[in-house]
């Protein structure tokens, strides 16, 4: 994907139909990081109200670092994947201790933060510091693979993403590419007729044959495992119960997890919550928020 031939049409398209999302109205690195962590495997519609509420309570890393982990977990209610709240607290502590309470603007230092991987680190660089780096989530990776007409290796997809960014347009370009993958170049029903990159897309030029080059390409997710009846569901139930009660006695754990007749499975899930820092186990076998 070249900067010139493809860049202008995509940016023009985004200027007309790009999504108006609250985190796009800030360049505050902390707010950008919060939004990116919330958006991991969580729908935008669920994130928007929680994003505003969380930042009202925790507007800066220092506020999170000063709070107990359990308070951050409580504020994370409704978002799922609660371990992200624990990571965010650990990140806030590190930012205060090592960086004077401000998120760093270097890739290597961002990657040292708990729970911050290559995508999130580059998202902070692009969306907070407006750096010309490629931001590759599953939507962007899907677009890049289809434009190339073949599956891409991890290093190649990042290289292509970086090379495609028009100089000085890192923020706008990446937002546009993410929007394109989320709304037009979708996983199951791409709308090629409305795609500003169709003219340079190798897969489109070939008639969109199977197999889809995005399938199995680096960075393209394969979907989540079934939630209903899973250990993830039991973990979520326990954390929600802890949010309400603060503490769960040993004889309440299996019922709270949703498996009143399966104490062995409950014990395994409780142990995983303790390992992940989402719960503290007392000598009695009760658990509480950290």
C-alpha atoms as a PDB file:
ATOM      1  CA  UNK A   1       0.000   0.000   0.000  1.00  0.00           C
ATOM      2  CA  UNK A   2       1.713   3.201  -1.147  1.00  0.00           C
ATOM      3  CA  UNK A   3       1.454   6.482   0.707  1.00  0.00           C
ATOM      4  CA  UNK A   4       0.397   8.561  -2.275  1.00  0.00           C
ATOM      5  CA  UNK A   5      -1.943   6.482  -4.426  1.00  0.00           C
ATOM      6  CA  UNK A   6      -3.883   4.989  -1.531  1.00  0.00           C
ATOM      7  CA  UNK A   7      -3.384   7.626   1.160  1.00  0.00           C
ATOM      8  CA  UNK A   8      -5.475  10.466  -0.215  1.00  0.00           C
ATOM      9  CA  UNK A   9      -8.617   8.399  -0.977  1.00  0.00           C
ATOM     10  CA  UNK A  10      -8.596   6.762   2.454  1.00  0.00           C
ATOM     11  CA  UNK A  11      -8.125  10.051   4.296  1.00  0.00           C
ATOM     12  CA  UNK A  12     -10.844  11.720   2.225  1.00  0.00           C
ATOM     13  CA  UNK A  13     -13.198   8.818   2.925  1.00  0.00           C
ATOM     14  CA  UNK A  14     -12.527   9.028   6.654  1.00  0.00           C
ATOM     15  CA  UNK A  15     -13.101  12.775   6.694  1.00  0.00           C
ATOM     16  CA  UNK A  16     -16.616  12.116   5.383  1.00  0.00           C
ATOM     17  CA  UNK A  17     -17.689   9.018   7.293  1.00  0.00           C
ATOM     18  CA  UNK A  18     -15.163   8.387  10.074  1.00  0.00           C
ATOM     19  CA  UNK A  19     -16.604   7.414  13.449  1.00  0.00           C
ATOM     20  CA  UNK A  20     -16.974  10.156  16.056  1.00  0.00           C
ATOM     21  CA  UNK A  21     -15.624   8.460  19.185  1.00  0.00           C
ATOM     22  CA  UNK A  22     -14.920  10.266  22.478  1.00  0.00           C
ATOM     23  CA  UNK A  23     -11.267   9.228  22.734  1.00  0.00           C
ATOM     24  CA  UNK A  24     -10.637  10.857  19.359  1.00  0.00           C
ATOM     25  CA  UNK A  25     -11.206  14.254  20.959  1.00  0.00           C
ATOM     26  CA  UNK A  26      -8.137  14.042  23.202  1.00  0.00           C
ATOM     27  CA  UNK A  27      -4.389  13.740  22.897  1.00  0.00           C
ATOM     28  CA  UNK A  28      -3.954  12.957  26.593  1.00  0.00           C
ATOM     29  CA  UNK A  29      -1.754   9.838  26.661  1.00  0.00           C
ATOM     30  CA  UNK A  30      -3.463   8.487  29.790  1.00  0.00           C
ATOM     31  CA  UNK A  31      -6.947   8.837  28.292  1.00  0.00           C
ATOM     32  CA  UNK A  32      -5.756   7.211  25.071  1.00  0.00           C
ATOM     33  CA  UNK A  33      -4.225   4.303  26.982  1.00  0.00           C
ATOM     34  CA  UNK A  34      -7.409   3.803  29.013  1.00  0.00           C
ATOM     35  CA  UNK A  35      -9.509   3.735  25.856  1.00  0.00           C
ATOM     36  CA  UNK A  36      -7.213   1.261  24.117  1.00  0.00           C
ATOM     37  CA  UNK A  37      -7.174  -1.148  27.058  1.00  0.00           C
ATOM     38  CA  UNK A  38     -10.952  -0.926  27.374  1.00  0.00           C
ATOM     39  CA  UNK A  39     -11.417  -1.613  23.670  1.00  0.00           C
ATOM     40  CA  UNK A  40      -9.443  -4.857  23.734  1.00  0.00           C
ATOM     41  CA  UNK A  41     -12.024  -7.540  22.884  1.00  0.00           C
ATOM     42  CA  UNK A  42     -14.864  -5.259  23.993  1.00  0.00           C
ATOM     43  CA  UNK A  43     -17.441  -3.559  21.762  1.00  0.00           C
ATOM     44  CA  UNK A  44     -17.309   0.207  21.327  1.00  0.00           C
ATOM     45  CA  UNK A  45     -20.893   0.621  22.535  1.00  0.00           C
ATOM     46  CA  UNK A  46     -19.990  -0.945  25.884  1.00  0.00           C
ATOM     47  CA  UNK A  47     -16.813   1.074  26.245  1.00  0.00           C
ATOM     48  CA  UNK A  48     -18.132   4.608  25.684  1.00  0.00           C
ATOM     49  CA  UNK A  49     -20.071   5.078  28.971  1.00  0.00           C
ATOM     50  CA  UNK A  50     -17.451   3.235  31.035  1.00  0.00           C
ATOM     51  CA  UNK A  51     -14.655   5.335  29.492  1.00  0.00           C
ATOM     52  CA  UNK A  52     -16.219   8.596  30.656  1.00  0.00           C
ATOM     53  CA  UNK A  53     -17.012   7.253  34.131  1.00  0.00           C
ATOM     54  CA  UNK A  54     -13.555   5.782  34.622  1.00  0.00           C
ATOM     55  CA  UNK A  55     -11.725   8.971  33.644  1.00  0.00           C
ATOM     56  CA  UNK A  56     -13.930  11.062  35.914  1.00  0.00           C
ATOM     57  CA  UNK A  57     -12.795   8.914  38.806  1.00  0.00           C
ATOM     58  CA  UNK A  58      -9.225   8.292  37.654  1.00  0.00           C
ATOM     59  CA  UNK A  59      -8.166  11.219  35.429  1.00  0.00           C
ATOM     60  CA  UNK A  60      -4.431  10.561  35.767  1.00  0.00           C
ATOM     61  CA  UNK A  61      -2.029   7.679  36.511  1.00  0.00           C
ATOM     62  CA  UNK A  62      -1.304   9.039  39.989  1.00  0.00           C
ATOM     63  CA  UNK A  63      -4.961   8.668  40.997  1.00  0.00           C
ATOM     64  CA  UNK A  64      -4.969   5.007  39.971  1.00  0.00           C
ATOM     65  CA  UNK A  65      -1.599   4.298  41.571  1.00  0.00           C
ATOM     66  CA  UNK A  66      -2.838   5.721  44.877  1.00  0.00           C
ATOM     67  CA  UNK A  67      -5.981   3.579  44.889  1.00  0.00           C
ATOM     68  CA  UNK A  68      -6.249  -0.072  45.948  1.00  0.00           C
ATOM     69  CA  UNK A  69      -6.346  -2.514  43.041  1.00  0.00           C
ATOM     70  CA  UNK A  70      -9.845  -3.508  44.107  1.00  0.00           C
ATOM     71  CA  UNK A  71     -11.155   0.008  43.497  1.00  0.00           C
ATOM     72  CA  UNK A  72      -9.871  -0.076  39.934  1.00  0.00           C
ATOM     73  CA  UNK A  73     -11.461  -3.507  39.444  1.00  0.00           C
ATOM     74  CA  UNK A  74     -14.761  -2.100  40.723  1.00  0.00           C
ATOM     75  CA  UNK A  75     -14.541   0.794  38.259  1.00  0.00           C
ATOM     76  CA  UNK A  76     -13.959  -1.726  35.469  1.00  0.00           C
ATOM     77  CA  UNK A  77     -17.434  -3.229  35.926  1.00  0.00           C
ATOM     78  CA  UNK A  78     -19.264  -3.958  32.693  1.00  0.00           C
ATOM     79  CA  UNK A  79     -16.172  -4.305  30.535  1.00  0.00           C
ATOM     80  CA  UNK A  80     -15.107  -7.918  31.117  1.00  0.00           C
ATOM     81  CA  UNK A  81     -11.557  -9.267  30.926  1.00  0.00           C
ATOM     82  CA  UNK A  82     -10.970  -7.869  34.402  1.00  0.00           C
ATOM     83  CA  UNK A  83      -7.274  -8.641  34.373  1.00  0.00           C
ATOM     84  CA  UNK A  84      -6.909  -5.520  32.247  1.00  0.00           C
ATOM     85  CA  UNK A  85      -7.854  -3.482  35.325  1.00  0.00           C
ATOM     86  CA  UNK A  86      -5.061  -5.114  37.323  1.00  0.00           C
ATOM     87  CA  UNK A  87      -2.600  -4.396  34.518  1.00  0.00           C
ATOM     88  CA  UNK A  88      -3.756  -0.790  34.313  1.00  0.00           C
ATOM     89  CA  UNK A  89      -3.139  -0.341  38.033  1.00  0.00           C
ATOM     90  CA  UNK A  90       0.346  -1.857  37.711  1.00  0.00           C
ATOM     91  CA  UNK A  91       1.027   0.399  34.728  1.00  0.00           C
ATOM     92  CA  UNK A  92      -0.059   3.473  36.684  1.00  0.00           C
ATOM     93  CA  UNK A  93       2.288   2.540  39.535  1.00  0.00           C
ATOM     94  CA  UNK A  94       5.186   2.100  37.092  1.00  0.00           C
ATOM     95  CA  UNK A  95       4.413   5.390  35.337  1.00  0.00           C
ATOM     96  CA  UNK A  96       4.441   7.225  38.660  1.00  0.00           C
ATOM     97  CA  UNK A  97       7.579   5.496  39.932  1.00  0.00           C
ATOM     98  CA  UNK A  98       9.658   5.618  36.737  1.00  0.00           C
ATOM     99  CA  UNK A  99       8.248   8.399  34.587  1.00  0.00           C
ATOM    100  CA  UNK A 100       7.088  11.107  36.968  1.00  0.00           C
ATOM    101  CA  UNK A 101       3.422  10.331  36.458  1.00  0.00           C
ATOM    102  CA  UNK A 102       3.471  10.848  32.683  1.00  0.00           C
ATOM    103  CA  UNK A 103       3.246   8.125  30.081  1.00  0.00           C
ATOM    104  CA  UNK A 104       6.514   7.806  28.150  1.00  0.00           C
ATOM    105  CA  UNK A 105       6.631   8.628  24.446  1.00  0.00           C
ATOM    106  CA  UNK A 106       9.151   5.956  23.471  1.00  0.00           C
ATOM    107  CA  UNK A 107       8.125   2.586  22.075  1.00  0.00           C
ATOM    108  CA  UNK A 108      10.567   0.581  24.185  1.00  0.00           C
ATOM    109  CA  UNK A 109       9.405   2.250  27.407  1.00  0.00           C
ATOM    110  CA  UNK A 110       5.733   1.807  26.564  1.00  0.00           C
ATOM    111  CA  UNK A 111       6.317  -1.891  25.892  1.00  0.00           C
ATOM    112  CA  UNK A 112       7.718  -2.266  29.412  1.00  0.00           C
ATOM    113  CA  UNK A 113       4.353  -1.304  30.928  1.00  0.00           C
ATOM    114  CA  UNK A 114       2.201  -4.213  32.203  1.00  0.00           C
ATOM    115  CA  UNK A 115      -0.443  -5.276  29.706  1.00  0.00           C
ATOM    116  CA  UNK A 116       0.882  -2.987  26.967  1.00  0.00           C
ATOM    117  CA  UNK A 117       1.741  -4.914  23.819  1.00  0.00           C
ATOM    118  CA  UNK A 118       2.891  -3.819  20.344  1.00  0.00           C
ATOM    119  CA  UNK A 119      -0.553  -2.645  19.249  1.00  0.00           C
ATOM    120  CA  UNK A 120      -1.343  -0.632  22.376  1.00  0.00           C
ATOM    121  CA  UNK A 121       2.129   0.939  22.517  1.00  0.00           C
ATOM    122  CA  UNK A 122       1.899   2.115  18.914  1.00  0.00           C
ATOM    123  CA  UNK A 123      -1.676   3.299  19.437  1.00  0.00           C
ATOM    124  CA  UNK A 124      -0.473   5.584  22.244  1.00  0.00           C
ATOM    125  CA  UNK A 125       2.338   6.873  20.033  1.00  0.00           C
ATOM    126  CA  UNK A 126      -0.004   7.550  17.104  1.00  0.00           C
ATOM    127  CA  UNK A 127      -3.121   8.782  18.893  1.00  0.00           C
ATOM    128  CA  UNK A 128      -1.576  10.687  21.808  1.00  0.00           C
ATOM    129  CA  UNK A 129       1.806  11.795  20.447  1.00  0.00           C
ATOM    130  CA  UNK A 130       0.784  11.832  16.749  1.00  0.00           C
ATOM    131  CA  UNK A 131       3.784   9.779  15.656  1.00  0.00           C
ATOM    132  CA  UNK A 132       3.949   8.326  12.156  1.00  0.00           C
ATOM    133  CA  UNK A 133       3.796   4.659  13.159  1.00  0.00           C
ATOM    134  CA  UNK A 134       1.436   1.974  11.899  1.00  0.00           C
ATOM    135  CA  UNK A 135      -1.203   0.761  14.357  1.00  0.00           C
ATOM    136  CA  UNK A 136      -2.128  -2.847  13.631  1.00  0.00           C
ATOM    137  CA  UNK A 137      -5.186  -4.365  15.251  1.00  0.00           C
ATOM    138  CA  UNK A 138      -7.252  -7.161  13.717  1.00  0.00           C
ATOM    139  CA  UNK A 139      -9.145  -4.694  11.502  1.00  0.00           C
ATOM    140  CA  UNK A 140      -6.032  -3.024  10.117  1.00  0.00           C
ATOM    141  CA  UNK A 141      -4.284  -6.359   9.652  1.00  0.00           C
ATOM    142  CA  UNK A 142      -7.260  -7.673   7.668  1.00  0.00           C
ATOM    143  CA  UNK A 143      -7.154  -4.668   5.328  1.00  0.00           C
ATOM    144  CA  UNK A 144      -3.397  -4.950   4.802  1.00  0.00           C
ATOM    145  CA  UNK A 145      -3.580  -8.653   3.953  1.00  0.00           C
ATOM    146  CA  UNK A 146      -6.416  -8.176   1.472  1.00  0.00           C
ATOM    147  CA  UNK A 147      -4.712  -5.240  -0.223  1.00  0.00           C
ATOM    148  CA  UNK A 148      -1.575  -7.365  -0.547  1.00  0.00           C
ATOM    149  CA  UNK A 149      -3.646 -10.303  -1.805  1.00  0.00           C
ATOM    150  CA  UNK A 150      -1.912 -12.782   0.492  1.00  0.00           C
ATOM    151  CA  UNK A 151      -1.299 -13.643   4.091  1.00  0.00           C
ATOM    152  CA  UNK A 152       1.406 -11.624   5.793  1.00  0.00           C
ATOM    153  CA  UNK A 153       3.981 -12.580   8.406  1.00  0.00           C
ATOM    154  CA  UNK A 154       4.041 -10.572  11.630  1.00  0.00           C
ATOM    155  CA  UNK A 155       7.135  -8.531  10.760  1.00  0.00           C
ATOM    156  CA  UNK A 156       5.848  -7.826   7.261  1.00  0.00           C
ATOM    157  CA  UNK A 157       2.414  -6.640   8.355  1.00  0.00           C
ATOM    158  CA  UNK A 158       3.970  -4.148  10.781  1.00  0.00           C
ATOM    159  CA  UNK A 159       6.464  -2.987   8.165  1.00  0.00           C
ATOM    160  CA  UNK A 160       3.698  -2.456   5.614  1.00  0.00           C
ATOM    161  CA  UNK A 161       1.615  -0.586   8.173  1.00  0.00           C
ATOM    162  CA  UNK A 162       4.522   1.703   9.050  1.00  0.00           C
ATOM    163  CA  UNK A 163       5.407   2.354   5.409  1.00  0.00           C
ATOM    164  CA  UNK A 164       1.818   3.232   4.489  1.00  0.00           C
ATOM    165  CA  UNK A 165       1.532   6.149   6.929  1.00  0.00           C
ATOM    166  CA  UNK A 166       1.671   9.485   5.059  1.00  0.00           C
ATOM    167  CA  UNK A 167       4.264  11.782   6.662  1.00  0.00           C
ATOM    168  CA  UNK A 168       2.723  13.911   9.365  1.00  0.00           C
ATOM    169  CA  UNK A 169      -0.643  12.116   9.180  1.00  0.00           C
ATOM    170  CA  UNK A 170      -0.111   9.271  11.641  1.00  0.00           C
ATOM    171  CA  UNK A 171      -3.150  10.095  13.776  1.00  0.00           C
ATOM    172  CA  UNK A 172      -5.614  10.550  10.912  1.00  0.00           C
ATOM    173  CA  UNK A 173      -4.271   7.662   8.826  1.00  0.00           C
ATOM    174  CA  UNK A 174      -4.470   5.075  11.562  1.00  0.00           C
ATOM    175  CA  UNK A 175      -7.936   6.148  12.674  1.00  0.00           C
ATOM    176  CA  UNK A 176      -9.050   5.883   9.040  1.00  0.00           C
ATOM    177  CA  UNK A 177      -7.546   2.420   8.569  1.00  0.00           C
ATOM    178  CA  UNK A 178      -9.151   1.122  11.767  1.00  0.00           C
ATOM    179  CA  UNK A 179     -12.513   2.553  10.713  1.00  0.00           C
ATOM    180  CA  UNK A 180     -12.219   0.988   7.266  1.00  0.00           C
ATOM    181  CA  UNK A 181     -11.593  -2.464   8.701  1.00  0.00           C
ATOM    182  CA  UNK A 182     -14.349  -2.113  11.295  1.00  0.00           C
ATOM    183  CA  UNK A 183     -17.076  -0.826   8.970  1.00  0.00           C
ATOM    184  CA  UNK A 184     -16.246  -1.657   5.328  1.00  0.00           C
ATOM    185  CA  UNK A 185     -13.523  -4.288   4.998  1.00  0.00           C
ATOM    186  CA  UNK A 186     -15.232  -6.484   7.562  1.00  0.00           C
ATOM    187  CA  UNK A 187     -14.465 -10.099   8.288  1.00  0.00           C
ATOM    188  CA  UNK A 188     -17.618 -11.729   6.945  1.00  0.00           C
ATOM    189  CA  UNK A 189     -19.194  -9.254   4.527  1.00  0.00           C
ATOM    190  CA  UNK A 190     -16.744  -6.727   3.057  1.00  0.00           C
ATOM    191  CA  UNK A 191     -18.390  -3.915   1.109  1.00  0.00           C
ATOM    192  CA  UNK A 192     -15.835  -3.527  -1.664  1.00  0.00           C
ATOM    193  CA  UNK A 193     -18.044  -1.146  -3.639  1.00  0.00           C
ATOM    194  CA  UNK A 194     -17.686   1.438  -0.883  1.00  0.00           C
ATOM    195  CA  UNK A 195     -13.981   0.911  -0.190  1.00  0.00           C
ATOM    196  CA  UNK A 196     -11.559   3.764  -0.961  1.00  0.00           C
ATOM    197  CA  UNK A 197      -8.734   1.234  -1.306  1.00  0.00           C
ATOM    198  CA  UNK A 198     -10.516  -1.034  -3.797  1.00  0.00           C
ATOM    199  CA  UNK A 199      -8.548   0.349  -6.740  1.00  0.00           C
ATOM    200  CA  UNK A 200      -5.274  -0.893  -5.296  1.00  0.00           C
ATOM    201  CA  UNK A 201      -6.532  -4.041  -3.562  1.00  0.00           C
ATOM    202  CA  UNK A 202      -5.080  -7.240  -5.027  1.00  0.00           C
ATOM    203  CA  UNK A 203      -7.789  -9.439  -3.513  1.00  0.00           C
ATOM    204  CA  UNK A 204     -10.562  -7.258  -4.947  1.00  0.00           C
ATOM    205  CA  UNK A 205      -8.868  -7.196  -8.369  1.00  0.00           C
ATOM    206  CA  UNK A 206      -8.789 -11.005  -8.369  1.00  0.00           C
ATOM    207  CA  UNK A 207     -12.533 -11.176  -7.664  1.00  0.00           C
ATOM    208  CA  UNK A 208     -12.252 -11.852  -3.916  1.00  0.00           C
ATOM    209  CA  UNK A 209     -11.520 -15.575  -4.298  1.00  0.00           C
ATOM    210  CA  UNK A 210     -11.332 -18.060  -1.457  1.00  0.00           C
ATOM    211  CA  UNK A 211      -9.416 -18.475   0.673  1.00  0.00           C
ATOM    212  CA  UNK A 212      -9.595 -14.968   2.044  1.00  0.00           C
ATOM    213  CA  UNK A 213      -5.939 -13.842   2.385  1.00  0.00           C
ATOM    214  CA  UNK A 214      -6.772 -12.291   5.755  1.00  0.00           C
ATOM    215  CA  UNK A 215      -7.603 -15.695   7.196  1.00  0.00           C
ATOM    216  CA  UNK A 216      -4.548 -16.772   9.154  1.00  0.00           C
ATOM    217  CA  UNK A 217      -2.603 -13.622   8.318  1.00  0.00           C
ATOM    218  CA  UNK A 218      -0.586 -12.142  11.174  1.00  0.00           C
ATOM    219  CA  UNK A 219      -2.555  -9.895  13.477  1.00  0.00           C
ATOM    220  CA  UNK A 220      -5.992 -11.055  12.313  1.00  0.00           C
ATOM    221  CA  UNK A 221      -7.896 -12.588  15.202  1.00  0.00           C
ATOM    222  CA  UNK A 222      -9.616 -15.933  14.840  1.00  0.00           C
ATOM    223  CA  UNK A 223     -12.515 -15.125  17.173  1.00  0.00           C
ATOM    224  CA  UNK A 224     -13.104 -15.777  20.844  1.00  0.00           C
ATOM    225  CA  UNK A 225     -13.909 -19.105  22.390  1.00  0.00           C
ATOM    226  CA  UNK A 226     -17.462 -19.747  23.587  1.00  0.00           C
ATOM    227  CA  UNK A 227     -18.245 -17.699  26.692  1.00  0.00           C
ATOM    228  CA  UNK A 228     -21.410 -19.421  27.924  1.00  0.00           C
ATOM    229  CA  UNK A 229     -20.465 -22.139  30.387  1.00  0.00           C
ATOM    230  CA  UNK A 230     -16.753 -21.312  30.213  1.00  0.00           C
ATOM    231  CA  UNK A 231     -14.288 -20.700  33.032  1.00  0.00           C
ATOM    232  CA  UNK A 232     -14.230 -17.070  31.862  1.00  0.00           C
ATOM    233  CA  UNK A 233     -17.897 -16.815  32.705  1.00  0.00           C
ATOM    234  CA  UNK A 234     -17.286 -18.239  36.164  1.00  0.00           C
ATOM    235  CA  UNK A 235     -14.409 -15.828  36.735  1.00  0.00           C
ATOM    236  CA  UNK A 236     -16.605 -12.934  35.700  1.00  0.00           C
ATOM    237  CA  UNK A 237     -19.383 -14.010  38.040  1.00  0.00           C
ATOM    238  CA  UNK A 238     -17.001 -14.245  40.967  1.00  0.00           C
ATOM    239  CA  UNK A 239     -15.469 -10.833  40.293  1.00  0.00           C
ATOM    240  CA  UNK A 240     -18.925  -9.288  39.942  1.00  0.00           C
ATOM    241  CA  UNK A 241     -19.926 -10.867  43.257  1.00  0.00           C
ATOM    242  CA  UNK A 242     -16.796  -9.457  44.878  1.00  0.00           C
ATOM    243  CA  UNK A 243     -17.638  -6.012  43.514  1.00  0.00           C
ATOM    244  CA  UNK A 244     -20.953  -6.186  45.296  1.00  0.00           C
ATOM    245  CA  UNK A 245     -19.975  -8.016  48.480  1.00  0.00           C
ATOM    246  CA  UNK A 246     -16.293  -7.177  48.813  1.00  0.00           C
ATOM    247  CA  UNK A 247     -15.673 -10.619  50.299  1.00  0.00           C
ATOM    248  CA  UNK A 248     -16.976 -14.130  49.634  1.00  0.00           C
ATOM    249  CA  UNK A 249     -16.980 -16.851  52.285  1.00  0.00           C
ATOM    250  CA  UNK A 250     -15.774 -20.333  51.271  1.00  0.00           C
ATOM    251  CA  UNK A 251     -19.291 -21.797  51.226  1.00  0.00           C
ATOM    252  CA  UNK A 252     -20.481 -19.010  48.876  1.00  0.00           C
ATOM    253  CA  UNK A 253     -17.856 -19.451  46.164  1.00  0.00           C
ATOM    254  CA  UNK A 254     -19.358 -22.273  44.096  1.00  0.00           C
ATOM    255  CA  UNK A 255     -22.774 -20.650  44.074  1.00  0.00           C
ATOM    256  CA  UNK A 256     -21.326 -17.266  43.084  1.00  0.00           C
ATOM    257  CA  UNK A 257     -19.382 -18.881  40.247  1.00  0.00           C
ATOM    258  CA  UNK A 258     -22.580 -20.473  38.946  1.00  0.00           C
ATOM    259  CA  UNK A 259     -21.487 -24.052  39.677  1.00  0.00           C
ATOM    260  CA  UNK A 260     -23.050 -24.942  43.055  1.00  0.00           C
ATOM    261  CA  UNK A 261     -22.434 -28.635  42.445  1.00  0.00           C
ATOM    262  CA  UNK A 262     -18.852 -28.329  41.179  1.00  0.00           C
ATOM    263  CA  UNK A 263     -16.557 -27.139  43.991  1.00  0.00           C
ATOM    264  CA  UNK A 264     -13.458 -28.563  42.258  1.00  0.00           C
ATOM    265  CA  UNK A 265     -13.945 -26.404  39.165  1.00  0.00           C
ATOM    266  CA  UNK A 266     -14.750 -23.450  41.383  1.00  0.00           C
ATOM    267  CA  UNK A 267     -11.518 -23.923  43.334  1.00  0.00           C
ATOM    268  CA  UNK A 268      -9.519 -23.956  40.113  1.00  0.00           C
ATOM    269  CA  UNK A 269     -11.108 -20.723  38.923  1.00  0.00           C
ATOM    270  CA  UNK A 270     -10.636 -19.083  42.319  1.00  0.00           C
ATOM    271  CA  UNK A 271      -6.946 -20.018  42.182  1.00  0.00           C
ATOM    272  CA  UNK A 272      -6.658 -18.374  38.759  1.00  0.00           C
ATOM    273  CA  UNK A 273      -8.174 -15.145  40.110  1.00  0.00           C
ATOM    274  CA  UNK A 274      -5.658 -15.127  42.944  1.00  0.00           C
ATOM    275  CA  UNK A 275      -2.758 -15.756  40.533  1.00  0.00           C
ATOM    276  CA  UNK A 276      -3.921 -12.898  38.301  1.00  0.00           C
ATOM    277  CA  UNK A 277      -4.169 -10.444  41.181  1.00  0.00           C
ATOM    278  CA  UNK A 278      -7.945 -10.119  40.980  1.00  0.00           C
ATOM    279  CA  UNK A 279      -8.577 -11.633  44.403  1.00  0.00           C
ATOM    280  CA  UNK A 280      -6.791 -12.264  47.688  1.00  0.00           C
ATOM    281  CA  UNK A 281      -7.357 -15.557  49.467  1.00  0.00           C
ATOM    282  CA  UNK A 282      -7.627 -15.465  53.241  1.00  0.00           C
ATOM    283  CA  UNK A 283      -6.507 -18.249  55.590  1.00  0.00           C
ATOM    284  CA  UNK A 284     -10.129 -19.290  55.989  1.00  0.00           C
ATOM    285  CA  UNK A 285     -10.499 -19.883  52.255  1.00  0.00           C
ATOM    286  CA  UNK A 286     -12.600 -16.779  51.739  1.00  0.00           C
ATOM    287  CA  UNK A 287     -11.604 -14.361  49.002  1.00  0.00           C
ATOM    288  CA  UNK A 288     -11.772 -10.591  48.746  1.00  0.00           C
ATOM    289  CA  UNK A 289     -10.832  -7.873  46.307  1.00  0.00           C
ATOM    290  CA  UNK A 290      -7.180  -6.804  46.550  1.00  0.00           C
END
